[in-house]
C-alpha atoms as a PDB file:
ATOM      1  CA  UNK A   1      30.745  82.719  -2.207  1.00  0.00           C
ATOM      2  CA  UNK A   2      30.133  85.754  -4.567  1.00  0.00           C
ATOM      3  CA  UNK A   3      30.638  85.432  -8.344  1.00  0.00           C
ATOM      4  CA  UNK A   4      34.073  86.791  -8.155  1.00  0.00           C
ATOM      5  CA  UNK A   5      35.257  84.047  -5.530  1.00  0.00           C
ATOM      6  CA  UNK A   6      33.430  81.318  -7.802  1.00  0.00           C
ATOM      7  CA  UNK A   7      35.507  82.441 -10.840  1.00  0.00           C
ATOM      8  CA  UNK A   8      38.707  82.326  -8.844  1.00  0.00           C
ATOM      9  CA  UNK A   9      37.971  79.057  -7.561  1.00  0.00           C
ATOM     10  CA  UNK A  10      37.210  77.749 -11.327  1.00  0.00           C
ATOM     11  CA  UNK A  11      40.533  79.275 -12.249  1.00  0.00           C
ATOM     12  CA  UNK A  12      42.190  77.288  -9.607  1.00  0.00           C
ATOM     13  CA  UNK A  13      40.634  74.191 -10.825  1.00  0.00           C
ATOM     14  CA  UNK A  14      41.823  75.041 -14.444  1.00  0.00           C
ATOM     15  CA  UNK A  15      45.324  75.564 -13.350  1.00  0.00           C
ATOM     16  CA  UNK A  16      45.713  72.735 -11.073  1.00  0.00           C
ATOM     17  CA  UNK A  17      46.153  74.685  -7.791  1.00  0.00           C
ATOM     18  CA  UNK A  18      43.661  72.933  -5.781  1.00  0.00           C
ATOM     19  CA  UNK A  19      42.229  69.303  -6.228  1.00  0.00           C
ATOM     20  CA  UNK A  20      38.710  68.930  -7.328  1.00  0.00           C
ATOM     21  CA  UNK A  21      37.681  67.324  -4.257  1.00  0.00           C
ATOM     22  CA  UNK A  22      38.915  70.329  -2.048  1.00  0.00           C
ATOM     23  CA  UNK A  23      37.408  72.892  -4.536  1.00  0.00           C
ATOM     24  CA  UNK A  24      33.989  74.291  -3.127  1.00  0.00           C
ATOM     25  CA  UNK A  25      32.799  75.094  -6.679  1.00  0.00           C
ATOM     26  CA  UNK A  26      32.330  71.297  -7.484  1.00  0.00           C
ATOM     27  CA  UNK A  27      30.531  70.294  -4.207  1.00  0.00           C
ATOM     28  CA  UNK A  28      27.212  70.206  -5.995  1.00  0.00           C
ATOM     29  CA  UNK A  29      28.296  68.724  -9.300  1.00  0.00           C
ATOM     30  CA  UNK A  30      27.217  65.095  -8.621  1.00  0.00           C
ATOM     31  CA  UNK A  31      23.991  63.649  -7.357  1.00  0.00           C
ATOM     32  CA  UNK A  32      22.302  66.751  -6.291  1.00  0.00           C
ATOM     33  CA  UNK A  33      18.700  67.555  -7.364  1.00  0.00           C
ATOM     34  CA  UNK A  34      17.608  70.992  -8.494  1.00  0.00           C
ATOM     35  CA  UNK A  35      15.189  70.934  -5.738  1.00  0.00           C
ATOM     36  CA  UNK A  36      17.933  70.356  -3.126  1.00  0.00           C
ATOM     37  CA  UNK A  37      19.833  73.192  -4.517  1.00  0.00           C
ATOM     38  CA  UNK A  38      16.593  75.215  -4.449  1.00  0.00           C
ATOM     39  CA  UNK A  39      16.254  74.601  -0.578  1.00  0.00           C
ATOM     40  CA  UNK A  40      19.709  75.476   0.046  1.00  0.00           C
ATOM     41  CA  UNK A  41      19.542  78.723  -1.847  1.00  0.00           C
ATOM     42  CA  UNK A  42      16.407  79.605  -0.028  1.00  0.00           C
ATOM     43  CA  UNK A  43      18.119  79.013   3.499  1.00  0.00           C
ATOM     44  CA  UNK A  44      15.777  76.145   4.174  1.00  0.00           C
ATOM     45  CA  UNK A  45      18.782  73.772   4.547  1.00  0.00           C
ATOM     46  CA  UNK A  46      21.695  74.912   6.838  1.00  0.00           C
ATOM     47  CA  UNK A  47      24.886  73.633   5.157  1.00  0.00           C
ATOM     48  CA  UNK A  48      27.031  74.461   8.133  1.00  0.00           C
ATOM     49  CA  UNK A  49      25.046  72.011  10.390  1.00  0.00           C
ATOM     50  CA  UNK A  50      25.064  69.384   7.560  1.00  0.00           C
ATOM     51  CA  UNK A  51      28.643  69.666   7.286  1.00  0.00           C
ATOM     52  CA  UNK A  52      29.169  69.128  11.118  1.00  0.00           C
ATOM     53  CA  UNK A  53      26.767  66.094  10.921  1.00  0.00           C
ATOM     54  CA  UNK A  54      28.841  64.780   8.122  1.00  0.00           C
ATOM     55  CA  UNK A  55      32.129  65.180  10.020  1.00  0.00           C
ATOM     56  CA  UNK A  56      30.515  63.527  13.012  1.00  0.00           C
ATOM     57  CA  UNK A  57      29.550  60.523  10.941  1.00  0.00           C
ATOM     58  CA  UNK A  58      32.992  60.298   9.813  1.00  0.00           C
ATOM     59  CA  UNK A  59      34.352  60.423  13.208  1.00  0.00           C
ATOM     60  CA  UNK A  60      36.128  63.803  12.907  1.00  0.00           C
ATOM     61  CA  UNK A  61      36.139  67.005  14.895  1.00  0.00           C
ATOM     62  CA  UNK A  62      35.385  70.412  13.547  1.00  0.00           C
ATOM     63  CA  UNK A  63      39.108  70.605  12.167  1.00  0.00           C
ATOM     64  CA  UNK A  64      38.859  67.377  10.481  1.00  0.00           C
ATOM     65  CA  UNK A  65      40.944  65.209  12.925  1.00  0.00           C
ATOM     66  CA  UNK A  66      40.091  61.859  13.763  1.00  0.00           C
ATOM     67  CA  UNK A  67      38.205  61.740  17.137  1.00  0.00           C
ATOM     68  CA  UNK A  68      36.148  58.448  16.866  1.00  0.00           C
ATOM     69  CA  UNK A  69      32.593  58.014  16.393  1.00  0.00           C
ATOM     70  CA  UNK A  70      29.945  59.250  18.598  1.00  0.00           C
ATOM     71  CA  UNK A  71      31.910  62.448  19.346  1.00  0.00           C
ATOM     72  CA  UNK A  72      29.306  65.522  18.716  1.00  0.00           C
ATOM     73  CA  UNK A  73      30.153  68.919  16.928  1.00  0.00           C
ATOM     74  CA  UNK A  74      28.392  71.672  18.673  1.00  0.00           C
END
């Protein structure tokens, strides 16, 4: 996300166009250390893979549909 996109998402938050929990601008607002953010910024942590593992842990597929626990996303 570039700076312009970040500003657009912030404006959507202000105008109420998108829920906070669906706004990527707010993904790191709570309980995320500066060290962790630094690791992400340096490419040491792959957020796409992390998101896939989180979906799996919730029993969801790549589209966010319920598929049951134990299904892997490649």
